[in-house]
């Protein structure tokens, strides 16, 4: 039996991997690079409940059912930076994993 990490919803921004926008329009609106990690909609709701005052966060989606998805931090390093949640299939259509890990190498254009 595997044990669940109850701190999982509270992962820090720097611990999240980088992803690059595949689409130029998405890159223009939200930045070329985002930080993201797998998180269900219910886990995002838990994070929102605890961190909404400290982080600029979009409200969580409905939680009638549990859906797989991603916690996504967009507009990295800008005053418009915010956290949101999106379903797994949507995220995987517009972002790809970035090999870079250095915050200084992020292109926020």
PDB file of N, CA and C in Angstrom:
ATOM      1  N   UNK A   1       0.839  -1.185   0.000  1.00  0.00           N
ATOM      2  CA  UNK A   1       0.000   0.000   0.000  1.00  0.00           C
ATOM      3  C   UNK A   1       0.882   1.245   0.000  1.00  0.00           C
ATOM      4  N   UNK A   2       0.579   2.191  -0.862  1.00  0.00           N
ATOM      5  CA  UNK A   2       1.341   3.425  -0.898  1.00  0.00           C
ATOM      6  C   UNK A   2       0.698   4.444   0.033  1.00  0.00           C
ATOM      7  N   UNK A   3       1.508   5.281   0.597  1.00  0.00           N
ATOM      8  CA  UNK A   3       0.969   6.297   1.496  1.00  0.00           C
ATOM      9  C   UNK A   3       0.815   7.614   0.739  1.00  0.00           C
ATOM     10  N   UNK A   4      -0.211   8.340   1.068  1.00  0.00           N
ATOM     11  CA  UNK A   4      -0.489   9.620   0.425  1.00  0.00           C
ATOM     12  C   UNK A   4       0.293  10.717   1.144  1.00  0.00           C
ATOM     13  N   UNK A   5       0.873  11.628   0.389  1.00  0.00           N
ATOM     14  CA  UNK A   5       1.597  12.763   0.951  1.00  0.00           C
ATOM     15  C   UNK A   5       0.600  13.910   1.143  1.00  0.00           C
ATOM     16  N   UNK A   6       0.227  14.161   2.389  1.00  0.00           N
ATOM     17  CA  UNK A   6      -0.779  15.188   2.678  1.00  0.00           C
ATOM     18  C   UNK A   6      -0.252  16.609   2.449  1.00  0.00           C
ATOM     19  N   UNK A   7       1.060  16.760   2.285  1.00  0.00           N
ATOM     20  CA  UNK A   7       1.630  18.071   1.966  1.00  0.00           C
ATOM     21  C   UNK A   7       1.709  18.316   0.465  1.00  0.00           C
ATOM     22  N   UNK A   8       1.337  17.338  -0.316  1.00  0.00           N
ATOM     23  CA  UNK A   8       1.399  17.418  -1.781  1.00  0.00           C
ATOM     24  C   UNK A   8       0.735  18.669  -2.351  1.00  0.00           C
ATOM     25  N   UNK A   9      -0.439  19.073  -1.879  1.00  0.00           N
ATOM     26  CA  UNK A   9      -1.054  20.277  -2.446  1.00  0.00           C
ATOM     27  C   UNK A   9      -0.275  21.567  -2.168  1.00  0.00           C
ATOM     28  N   UNK A  10       0.672  21.514  -1.236  1.00  0.00           N
ATOM     29  CA  UNK A  10       1.377  22.725  -0.820  1.00  0.00           C
ATOM     30  C   UNK A  10       2.805  22.800  -1.348  1.00  0.00           C
ATOM     31  N   UNK A  11       3.064  22.132  -2.462  1.00  0.00           N
ATOM     32  CA  UNK A  11       4.379  22.155  -3.093  1.00  0.00           C
ATOM     33  C   UNK A  11       4.786  23.601  -3.380  1.00  0.00           C
ATOM     34  N   UNK A  12       6.063  23.899  -3.208  1.00  0.00           N
ATOM     35  CA  UNK A  12       6.543  25.258  -3.473  1.00  0.00           C
ATOM     36  C   UNK A  12       6.723  25.468  -4.975  1.00  0.00           C
ATOM     37  N   UNK A  13       6.682  26.715  -5.364  1.00  0.00           N
ATOM     38  CA  UNK A  13       6.836  27.065  -6.781  1.00  0.00           C
ATOM     39  C   UNK A  13       8.163  26.561  -7.333  1.00  0.00           C
ATOM     40  N   UNK A  14       9.246  26.739  -6.603  1.00  0.00           N
ATOM     41  CA  UNK A  14      10.564  26.352  -7.121  1.00  0.00           C
ATOM     42  C   UNK A  14      10.733  24.843  -7.240  1.00  0.00           C
ATOM     43  N   UNK A  15       9.907  24.075  -6.551  1.00  0.00           N
ATOM     44  CA  UNK A  15       9.986  22.610  -6.647  1.00  0.00           C
ATOM     45  C   UNK A  15       9.240  22.061  -7.857  1.00  0.00           C
ATOM     46  N   UNK A  16       8.465  22.908  -8.532  1.00  0.00           N
ATOM     47  CA  UNK A  16       7.697  22.472  -9.692  1.00  0.00           C
ATOM     48  C   UNK A  16       8.548  22.505 -10.951  1.00  0.00           C
ATOM     49  N   UNK A  17       8.381  21.497 -11.817  1.00  0.00           N
ATOM     50  CA  UNK A  17       9.110  21.520 -13.091  1.00  0.00           C
ATOM     51  C   UNK A  17       8.597  22.622 -14.018  1.00  0.00           C
ATOM     52  N   UNK A  18       9.434  22.979 -14.974  1.00  0.00           N
ATOM     53  CA  UNK A  18       9.083  23.984 -15.973  1.00  0.00           C
ATOM     54  C   UNK A  18       8.473  23.314 -17.199  1.00  0.00           C
ATOM     55  N   UNK A  19       7.511  24.003 -17.796  1.00  0.00           N
ATOM     56  CA  UNK A  19       6.878  23.554 -19.034  1.00  0.00           C
ATOM     57  C   UNK A  19       6.834  24.735 -19.988  1.00  0.00           C
ATOM     58  N   UNK A  20       6.910  24.444 -21.274  1.00  0.00           N
ATOM     59  CA  UNK A  20       6.879  25.488 -22.305  1.00  0.00           C
ATOM     60  C   UNK A  20       5.576  25.406 -23.081  1.00  0.00           C
ATOM     61  N   UNK A  21       5.043  26.571 -23.419  1.00  0.00           N
ATOM     62  CA  UNK A  21       3.831  26.635 -24.236  1.00  0.00           C
ATOM     63  C   UNK A  21       4.151  26.173 -25.648  1.00  0.00           C
ATOM     64  N   UNK A  22       3.300  25.328 -26.195  1.00  0.00           N
ATOM     65  CA  UNK A  22       3.466  24.831 -27.555  1.00  0.00           C
ATOM     66  C   UNK A  22       2.931  25.849 -28.557  1.00  0.00           C
ATOM     67  N   UNK A  23       1.852  26.514 -28.199  1.00  0.00           N
ATOM     68  CA  UNK A  23       1.140  27.443 -29.064  1.00  0.00           C
ATOM     69  C   UNK A  23       1.616  28.885 -28.835  1.00  0.00           C
ATOM     70  N   UNK A  24       1.858  29.623 -29.902  1.00  0.00           N
ATOM     71  CA  UNK A  24       2.338  31.006 -29.803  1.00  0.00           C
ATOM     72  C   UNK A  24       1.322  31.923 -29.123  1.00  0.00           C
ATOM     73  N   UNK A  25       0.027  31.699 -29.351  1.00  0.00           N
ATOM     74  CA  UNK A  25      -1.001  32.526 -28.714  1.00  0.00           C
ATOM     75  C   UNK A  25      -1.022  32.319 -27.205  1.00  0.00           C
ATOM     76  N   UNK A  26      -0.899  31.073 -26.767  1.00  0.00           N
ATOM     77  CA  UNK A  26      -0.839  30.764 -25.334  1.00  0.00           C
ATOM     78  C   UNK A  26       0.399  31.418 -24.736  1.00  0.00           C
ATOM     79  N   UNK A  27       1.525  31.320 -25.411  1.00  0.00           N
ATOM     80  CA  UNK A  27       2.771  31.925 -24.929  1.00  0.00           C
ATOM     81  C   UNK A  27       2.630  33.438 -24.791  1.00  0.00           C
ATOM     82  N   UNK A  28       1.974  34.067 -25.746  1.00  0.00           N
ATOM     83  CA  UNK A  28       1.795  35.515 -25.707  1.00  0.00           C
ATOM     84  C   UNK A  28       0.893  35.942 -24.546  1.00  0.00           C
ATOM     85  N   UNK A  29      -0.114  35.160 -24.249  1.00  0.00           N
ATOM     86  CA  UNK A  29      -1.067  35.516 -23.181  1.00  0.00           C
ATOM     87  C   UNK A  29      -0.563  35.197 -21.786  1.00  0.00           C
ATOM     88  N   UNK A  30       0.138  34.064 -21.625  1.00  0.00           N
ATOM     89  CA  UNK A  30       0.462  33.570 -20.286  1.00  0.00           C
ATOM     90  C   UNK A  30       1.951  33.386 -20.022  1.00  0.00           C
ATOM     91  N   UNK A  31       2.795  33.758 -20.978  1.00  0.00           N
ATOM     92  CA  UNK A  31       4.235  33.551 -20.862  1.00  0.00           C
ATOM     93  C   UNK A  31       4.638  32.258 -21.539  1.00  0.00           C
ATOM     94  N   UNK A  32       5.848  32.228 -22.067  1.00  0.00           N
ATOM     95  CA  UNK A  32       6.318  31.028 -22.767  1.00  0.00           C
ATOM     96  C   UNK A  32       6.533  29.865 -21.823  1.00  0.00           C
ATOM     97  N   UNK A  33       6.894  30.177 -20.575  1.00  0.00           N
ATOM     98  CA  UNK A  33       7.223  29.133 -19.614  1.00  0.00           C
ATOM     99  C   UNK A  33       6.312  29.234 -18.397  1.00  0.00           C
ATOM    100  N   UNK A  34       5.865  28.071 -17.918  1.00  0.00           N
ATOM    101  CA  UNK A  34       5.061  27.990 -16.701  1.00  0.00           C
ATOM    102  C   UNK A  34       5.703  26.959 -15.776  1.00  0.00           C
ATOM    103  N   UNK A  35       5.332  27.017 -14.516  1.00  0.00           N
ATOM    104  CA  UNK A  35       5.677  25.954 -13.579  1.00  0.00           C
ATOM    105  C   UNK A  35       4.393  25.188 -13.338  1.00  0.00           C
ATOM    106  N   UNK A  36       4.502  23.860 -13.238  1.00  0.00           N
ATOM    107  CA  UNK A  36       3.302  23.052 -13.057  1.00  0.00           C
ATOM    108  C   UNK A  36       3.634  21.736 -12.374  1.00  0.00           C
ATOM    109  N   UNK A  37       2.603  21.163 -11.741  1.00  0.00           N
ATOM    110  CA  UNK A  37       2.729  19.840 -11.140  1.00  0.00           C
ATOM    111  C   UNK A  37       1.363  19.176 -11.171  1.00  0.00           C
ATOM    112  N   UNK A  38       1.363  17.840 -11.227  1.00  0.00           N
ATOM    113  CA  UNK A  38       0.095  17.109 -11.234  1.00  0.00           C
ATOM    114  C   UNK A  38      -0.596  17.296  -9.886  1.00  0.00           C
ATOM    115  N   UNK A  39      -1.885  17.639  -9.963  1.00  0.00           N
ATOM    116  CA  UNK A  39      -2.688  17.871  -8.765  1.00  0.00           C
ATOM    117  C   UNK A  39      -4.153  17.723  -9.163  1.00  0.00           C
ATOM    118  N   UNK A  40      -4.923  17.013  -8.387  1.00  0.00           N
ATOM    119  CA  UNK A  40      -6.344  16.869  -8.697  1.00  0.00           C
ATOM    120  C   UNK A  40      -7.084  18.169  -8.388  1.00  0.00           C
ATOM    121  N   UNK A  41      -8.297  18.281  -8.898  1.00  0.00           N
ATOM    122  CA  UNK A  41      -9.109  19.459  -8.615  1.00  0.00           C
ATOM    123  C   UNK A  41      -9.397  19.596  -7.116  1.00  0.00           C
ATOM    124  N   UNK A  42      -9.559  18.482  -6.423  1.00  0.00           N
ATOM    125  CA  UNK A  42      -9.820  18.516  -4.976  1.00  0.00           C
ATOM    126  C   UNK A  42      -8.572  18.978  -4.218  1.00  0.00           C
ATOM    127  N   UNK A  43      -7.399  18.504  -4.641  1.00  0.00           N
ATOM    128  CA  UNK A  43      -6.156  18.953  -4.014  1.00  0.00           C
ATOM    129  C   UNK A  43      -5.941  20.452  -4.242  1.00  0.00           C
ATOM    130  N   UNK A  44      -6.297  20.940  -5.422  1.00  0.00           N
ATOM    131  CA  UNK A  44      -6.183  22.370  -5.686  1.00  0.00           C
ATOM    132  C   UNK A  44      -7.126  23.151  -4.771  1.00  0.00           C
ATOM    133  N   UNK A  45      -8.302  22.623  -4.527  1.00  0.00           N
ATOM    134  CA  UNK A  45      -9.246  23.290  -3.623  1.00  0.00           C
ATOM    135  C   UNK A  45      -8.660  23.397  -2.217  1.00  0.00           C
ATOM    136  N   UNK A  46      -7.984  22.352  -1.759  1.00  0.00           N
ATOM    137  CA  UNK A  46      -7.328  22.374  -0.449  1.00  0.00           C
ATOM    138  C   UNK A  46      -6.232  23.444  -0.441  1.00  0.00           C
ATOM    139  N   UNK A  47      -5.428  23.488  -1.494  1.00  0.00           N
ATOM    140  CA  UNK A  47      -4.363  24.495  -1.604  1.00  0.00           C
ATOM    141  C   UNK A  47      -4.960  25.900  -1.593  1.00  0.00           C
ATOM    142  N   UNK A  48      -6.010  26.097  -2.359  1.00  0.00           N
ATOM    143  CA  UNK A  48      -6.676  27.393  -2.441  1.00  0.00           C
ATOM    144  C   UNK A  48      -7.163  27.832  -1.062  1.00  0.00           C
ATOM    145  N   UNK A  49      -7.752  26.907  -0.318  1.00  0.00           N
ATOM    146  CA  UNK A  49      -8.252  27.234   1.012  1.00  0.00           C
ATOM    147  C   UNK A  49      -7.169  27.740   1.950  1.00  0.00           C
ATOM    148  N   UNK A  50      -5.968  27.212   1.804  1.00  0.00           N
ATOM    149  CA  UNK A  50      -4.879  27.605   2.705  1.00  0.00           C
ATOM    150  C   UNK A  50      -4.035  28.762   2.166  1.00  0.00           C
ATOM    151  N   UNK A  51      -3.840  28.847   0.852  1.00  0.00           N
ATOM    152  CA  UNK A  51      -2.862  29.786   0.300  1.00  0.00           C
ATOM    153  C   UNK A  51      -3.445  30.946  -0.507  1.00  0.00           C
ATOM    154  N   UNK A  52      -4.755  31.051  -0.600  1.00  0.00           N
ATOM    155  CA  UNK A  52      -5.345  32.093  -1.459  1.00  0.00           C
ATOM    156  C   UNK A  52      -4.958  33.506  -1.027  1.00  0.00           C
ATOM    157  N   UNK A  53      -4.689  33.722   0.245  1.00  0.00           N
ATOM    158  CA  UNK A  53      -4.308  35.065   0.707  1.00  0.00           C
ATOM    159  C   UNK A  53      -2.855  35.390   0.360  1.00  0.00           C
ATOM    160  N   UNK A  54      -2.011  34.365   0.299  1.00  0.00           N
ATOM    161  CA  UNK A  54      -0.581  34.564   0.032  1.00  0.00           C
ATOM    162  C   UNK A  54      -0.237  34.494  -1.449  1.00  0.00           C
ATOM    163  N   UNK A  55      -0.993  33.723  -2.206  1.00  0.00           N
ATOM    164  CA  UNK A  55      -0.725  33.530  -3.635  1.00  0.00           C
ATOM    165  C   UNK A  55      -1.892  34.091  -4.431  1.00  0.00           C
ATOM    166  N   UNK A  56      -1.599  34.634  -5.583  1.00  0.00           N
ATOM    167  CA  UNK A  56      -2.654  35.095  -6.477  1.00  0.00           C
ATOM    168  C   UNK A  56      -3.205  33.845  -7.169  1.00  0.00           C
ATOM    169  N   UNK A  57      -4.394  33.393  -6.739  1.00  0.00           N
ATOM    170  CA  UNK A  57      -4.941  32.120  -7.228  1.00  0.00           C
ATOM    171  C   UNK A  57      -6.324  32.303  -7.822  1.00  0.00           C
ATOM    172  N   UNK A  58      -6.572  31.613  -8.913  1.00  0.00           N
ATOM    173  CA  UNK A  58      -7.920  31.536  -9.477  1.00  0.00           C
ATOM    174  C   UNK A  58      -8.730  30.573  -8.607  1.00  0.00           C
ATOM    175  N   UNK A  59     -10.026  30.811  -8.420  1.00  0.00           N
ATOM    176  CA  UNK A  59     -10.845  29.898  -7.612  1.00  0.00           C
ATOM    177  C   UNK A  59     -10.852  28.483  -8.194  1.00  0.00           C
ATOM    178  N   UNK A  60     -10.995  27.484  -7.331  1.00  0.00           N
ATOM    179  CA  UNK A  60     -11.001  26.094  -7.815  1.00  0.00           C
ATOM    180  C   UNK A  60     -12.279  25.761  -8.577  1.00  0.00           C
ATOM    181  N   UNK A  61     -12.200  24.750  -9.439  1.00  0.00           N
ATOM    182  CA  UNK A  61     -13.398  24.297 -10.148  1.00  0.00           C
ATOM    183  C   UNK A  61     -14.310  23.528  -9.196  1.00  0.00           C
ATOM    184  N   UNK A  62     -15.469  23.173  -9.659  1.00  0.00           N
ATOM    185  CA  UNK A  62     -16.405  22.363  -8.889  1.00  0.00           C
ATOM    186  C   UNK A  62     -15.754  21.046  -8.488  1.00  0.00           C
ATOM    187  N   UNK A  63     -16.140  20.544  -7.336  1.00  0.00           N
ATOM    188  CA  UNK A  63     -15.524  19.300  -6.844  1.00  0.00           C
ATOM    189  C   UNK A  63     -16.557  18.193  -6.648  1.00  0.00           C
ATOM    190  N   UNK A  64     -17.551  18.123  -7.496  1.00  0.00           N
ATOM    191  CA  UNK A  64     -18.523  17.041  -7.408  1.00  0.00           C
ATOM    192  C   UNK A  64     -17.887  15.686  -7.678  1.00  0.00           C
ATOM    193  N   UNK A  65     -16.833  15.693  -8.484  1.00  0.00           N
ATOM    194  CA  UNK A  65     -16.057  14.483  -8.791  1.00  0.00           C
ATOM    195  C   UNK A  65     -14.582  14.849  -8.762  1.00  0.00           C
ATOM    196  N   UNK A  66     -13.733  13.865  -8.634  1.00  0.00           N
ATOM    197  CA  UNK A  66     -12.291  14.096  -8.622  1.00  0.00           C
ATOM    198  C   UNK A  66     -11.748  13.914 -10.037  1.00  0.00           C
ATOM    199  N   UNK A  67     -11.030  14.931 -10.508  1.00  0.00           N
ATOM    200  CA  UNK A  67     -10.429  14.893 -11.837  1.00  0.00           C
ATOM    201  C   UNK A  67      -8.926  15.116 -11.726  1.00  0.00           C
ATOM    202  N   UNK A  68      -8.175  14.395 -12.549  1.00  0.00           N
ATOM    203  CA  UNK A  68      -6.739  14.621 -12.634  1.00  0.00           C
ATOM    204  C   UNK A  68      -6.461  15.897 -13.383  1.00  0.00           C
ATOM    205  N   UNK A  69      -5.401  16.564 -13.002  1.00  0.00           N
ATOM    206  CA  UNK A  69      -5.054  17.803 -13.671  1.00  0.00           C
ATOM    207  C   UNK A  69      -3.730  18.338 -13.186  1.00  0.00           C
ATOM    208  N   UNK A  70      -3.535  19.624 -13.397  1.00  0.00           N
ATOM    209  CA  UNK A  70      -2.281  20.283 -13.050  1.00  0.00           C
ATOM    210  C   UNK A  70      -2.533  21.596 -12.329  1.00  0.00           C
ATOM    211  N   UNK A  71      -1.736  21.845 -11.316  1.00  0.00           N
ATOM    212  CA  UNK A  71      -1.589  23.171 -10.734  1.00  0.00           C
ATOM    213  C   UNK A  71      -0.610  23.885 -11.657  1.00  0.00           C
ATOM    214  N   UNK A  72      -0.983  25.059 -12.155  1.00  0.00           N
ATOM    215  CA  UNK A  72      -0.159  25.778 -13.131  1.00  0.00           C
ATOM    216  C   UNK A  72       0.089  27.196 -12.628  1.00  0.00           C
ATOM    217  N   UNK A  73       1.344  27.622 -12.673  1.00  0.00           N
ATOM    218  CA  UNK A  73       1.691  29.002 -12.339  1.00  0.00           C
ATOM    219  C   UNK A  73       2.070  29.687 -13.635  1.00  0.00           C
ATOM    220  N   UNK A  74       1.273  30.683 -14.000  1.00  0.00           N
ATOM    221  CA  UNK A  74       1.437  31.386 -15.279  1.00  0.00           C
ATOM    222  C   UNK A  74       2.000  32.787 -15.063  1.00  0.00           C
ATOM    223  N   UNK A  75       2.481  33.392 -16.138  1.00  0.00           N
ATOM    224  CA  UNK A  75       3.073  34.735 -16.119  1.00  0.00           C
ATOM    225  C   UNK A  75       4.190  34.819 -15.086  1.00  0.00           C
ATOM    226  N   UNK A  76       5.068  33.826 -15.116  1.00  0.00           N
ATOM    227  CA  UNK A  76       6.154  33.718 -14.136  1.00  0.00           C
ATOM    228  C   UNK A  76       6.983  34.992 -14.034  1.00  0.00           C
ATOM    229  N   UNK A  77       7.255  35.386 -12.796  1.00  0.00           N
ATOM    230  CA  UNK A  77       8.148  36.506 -12.541  1.00  0.00           C
ATOM    231  C   UNK A  77       7.580  37.875 -12.842  1.00  0.00           C
ATOM    232  N   UNK A  78       6.311  37.953 -13.190  1.00  0.00           N
ATOM    233  CA  UNK A  78       5.703  39.249 -13.498  1.00  0.00           C
ATOM    234  C   UNK A  78       4.675  39.595 -12.419  1.00  0.00           C
ATOM    235  N   UNK A  79       4.279  40.860 -12.340  1.00  0.00           N
ATOM    236  CA  UNK A  79       3.233  41.233 -11.372  1.00  0.00           C
ATOM    237  C   UNK A  79       1.902  40.523 -11.642  1.00  0.00           C
ATOM    238  N   UNK A  80       1.722  40.022 -12.867  1.00  0.00           N
ATOM    239  CA  UNK A  80       0.483  39.326 -13.241  1.00  0.00           C
ATOM    240  C   UNK A  80       0.552  37.828 -12.951  1.00  0.00           C
ATOM    241  N   UNK A  81       1.609  37.353 -12.295  1.00  0.00           N
ATOM    242  CA  UNK A  81       1.752  35.911 -12.002  1.00  0.00           C
ATOM    243  C   UNK A  81       0.562  35.429 -11.175  1.00  0.00           C
ATOM    244  N   UNK A  82       0.045  34.253 -11.529  1.00  0.00           N
ATOM    245  CA  UNK A  82      -1.065  33.667 -10.784  1.00  0.00           C
ATOM    246  C   UNK A  82      -1.047  32.155 -10.899  1.00  0.00           C
ATOM    247  N   UNK A  83      -1.782  31.513  -9.991  1.00  0.00           N
ATOM    248  CA  UNK A  83      -1.930  30.059  -9.981  1.00  0.00           C
ATOM    249  C   UNK A  83      -3.326  29.701 -10.438  1.00  0.00           C
ATOM    250  N   UNK A  84      -3.422  28.597 -11.164  1.00  0.00           N
ATOM    251  CA  UNK A  84      -4.708  28.089 -11.606  1.00  0.00           C
ATOM    252  C   UNK A  84      -4.640  26.567 -11.693  1.00  0.00           C
ATOM    253  N   UNK A  85      -5.769  25.962 -11.936  1.00  0.00           N
ATOM    254  CA  UNK A  85      -5.834  24.521 -12.128  1.00  0.00           C
ATOM    255  C   UNK A  85      -6.439  24.264 -13.493  1.00  0.00           C
ATOM    256  N   UNK A  86      -5.924  23.244 -14.179  1.00  0.00           N
ATOM    257  CA  UNK A  86      -6.538  22.857 -15.449  1.00  0.00           C
ATOM    258  C   UNK A  86      -6.539  21.341 -15.591  1.00  0.00           C
ATOM    259  N   UNK A  87      -7.544  20.805 -16.273  1.00  0.00           N
ATOM    260  CA  UNK A  87      -7.608  19.357 -16.485  1.00  0.00           C
ATOM    261  C   UNK A  87      -6.370  18.853 -17.226  1.00  0.00           C
ATOM    262  N   UNK A  88      -6.029  17.624 -16.947  1.00  0.00           N
ATOM    263  CA  UNK A  88      -4.833  17.004 -17.516  1.00  0.00           C
ATOM    264  C   UNK A  88      -4.805  17.077 -19.044  1.00  0.00           C
ATOM    265  N   UNK A  89      -5.909  16.716 -19.700  1.00  0.00           N
ATOM    266  CA  UNK A  89      -5.915  16.682 -21.163  1.00  0.00           C
ATOM    267  C   UNK A  89      -5.718  18.077 -21.767  1.00  0.00           C
ATOM    268  N   UNK A  90      -6.235  19.105 -21.117  1.00  0.00           N
ATOM    269  CA  UNK A  90      -6.064  20.474 -21.617  1.00  0.00           C
ATOM    270  C   UNK A  90      -4.605  20.898 -21.468  1.00  0.00           C
ATOM    271  N   UNK A  91      -4.046  20.679 -20.275  1.00  0.00           N
ATOM    272  CA  UNK A  91      -2.665  21.052 -20.016  1.00  0.00           C
ATOM    273  C   UNK A  91      -1.720  20.376 -21.010  1.00  0.00           C
ATOM    274  N   UNK A  92      -1.898  19.086 -21.222  1.00  0.00           N
ATOM    275  CA  UNK A  92      -0.986  18.332 -22.074  1.00  0.00           C
ATOM    276  C   UNK A  92      -1.111  18.695 -23.555  1.00  0.00           C
ATOM    277  N   UNK A  93      -2.201  19.363 -23.943  1.00  0.00           N
ATOM    278  CA  UNK A  93      -2.347  19.839 -25.321  1.00  0.00           C
ATOM    279  C   UNK A  93      -1.613  21.149 -25.562  1.00  0.00           C
ATOM    280  N   UNK A  94      -1.382  21.947 -24.501  1.00  0.00           N
ATOM    281  CA  UNK A  94      -0.796  23.281 -24.716  1.00  0.00           C
ATOM    282  C   UNK A  94       0.591  23.474 -24.105  1.00  0.00           C
ATOM    283  N   UNK A  95       1.083  22.514 -23.324  1.00  0.00           N
ATOM    284  CA  UNK A  95       2.417  22.629 -22.722  1.00  0.00           C
ATOM    285  C   UNK A  95       3.225  21.354 -22.915  1.00  0.00           C
ATOM    286  N   UNK A  96       4.557  21.527 -22.959  1.00  0.00           N
ATOM    287  CA  UNK A  96       5.469  20.377 -22.999  1.00  0.00           C
ATOM    288  C   UNK A  96       6.532  20.590 -21.935  1.00  0.00           C
ATOM    289  N   UNK A  97       7.090  19.513 -21.440  1.00  0.00           N
ATOM    290  CA  UNK A  97       8.093  19.575 -20.391  1.00  0.00           C
ATOM    291  C   UNK A  97       9.340  20.287 -20.905  1.00  0.00           C
ATOM    292  N   UNK A  98       9.878  21.189 -20.105  1.00  0.00           N
ATOM    293  CA  UNK A  98      11.086  21.942 -20.441  1.00  0.00           C
ATOM    294  C   UNK A  98      12.284  21.330 -19.742  1.00  0.00           C
ATOM    295  N   UNK A  99      13.385  21.134 -20.435  1.00  0.00           N
ATOM    296  CA  UNK A  99      14.566  20.578 -19.781  1.00  0.00           C
ATOM    297  C   UNK A  99      15.254  21.541 -18.833  1.00  0.00           C
ATOM    298  N   UNK A 100      15.034  22.867 -18.998  1.00  0.00           N
ATOM    299  CA  UNK A 100      15.699  23.848 -18.137  1.00  0.00           C
ATOM    300  C   UNK A 100      15.125  23.820 -16.732  1.00  0.00           C
ATOM    301  N   UNK A 101      15.944  24.144 -15.745  1.00  0.00           N
ATOM    302  CA  UNK A 101      15.485  24.180 -14.361  1.00  0.00           C
ATOM    303  C   UNK A 101      15.858  25.468 -13.664  1.00  0.00           C
ATOM    304  N   UNK A 102      16.630  26.309 -14.285  1.00  0.00           N
ATOM    305  CA  UNK A 102      17.092  27.539 -13.654  1.00  0.00           C
ATOM    306  C   UNK A 102      16.045  28.638 -13.813  1.00  0.00           C
ATOM    307  N   UNK A 103      15.687  29.277 -12.702  1.00  0.00           N
ATOM    308  CA  UNK A 103      14.719  30.360 -12.749  1.00  0.00           C
ATOM    309  C   UNK A 103      15.258  31.518 -13.575  1.00  0.00           C
ATOM    310  N   UNK A 104      16.563  31.770 -13.528  1.00  0.00           N
ATOM    311  CA  UNK A 104      17.142  32.870 -14.270  1.00  0.00           C
ATOM    312  C   UNK A 104      17.067  32.675 -15.778  1.00  0.00           C
ATOM    313  N   UNK A 105      16.863  31.426 -16.221  1.00  0.00           N
ATOM    314  CA  UNK A 105      16.799  31.170 -17.657  1.00  0.00           C
ATOM    315  C   UNK A 105      15.376  31.194 -18.206  1.00  0.00           C
ATOM    316  N   UNK A 106      14.411  31.531 -17.376  1.00  0.00           N
ATOM    317  CA  UNK A 106      13.021  31.573 -17.817  1.00  0.00           C
ATOM    318  C   UNK A 106      12.791  32.769 -18.727  1.00  0.00           C
ATOM    319  N   UNK A 107      12.173  32.516 -19.848  1.00  0.00           N
ATOM    320  CA  UNK A 107      11.800  33.571 -20.782  1.00  0.00           C
ATOM    321  C   UNK A 107      10.326  33.859 -20.565  1.00  0.00           C
ATOM    322  N   UNK A 108      10.010  35.001 -19.993  1.00  0.00           N
ATOM    323  CA  UNK A 108       8.627  35.331 -19.657  1.00  0.00           C
ATOM    324  C   UNK A 108       7.969  36.210 -20.704  1.00  0.00           C
ATOM    325  N   UNK A 109       8.535  36.289 -21.873  1.00  0.00           N
ATOM    326  CA  UNK A 109       7.975  37.129 -22.931  1.00  0.00           C
ATOM    327  C   UNK A 109       6.572  36.721 -23.293  1.00  0.00           C
TER     328      UNK A 109
END
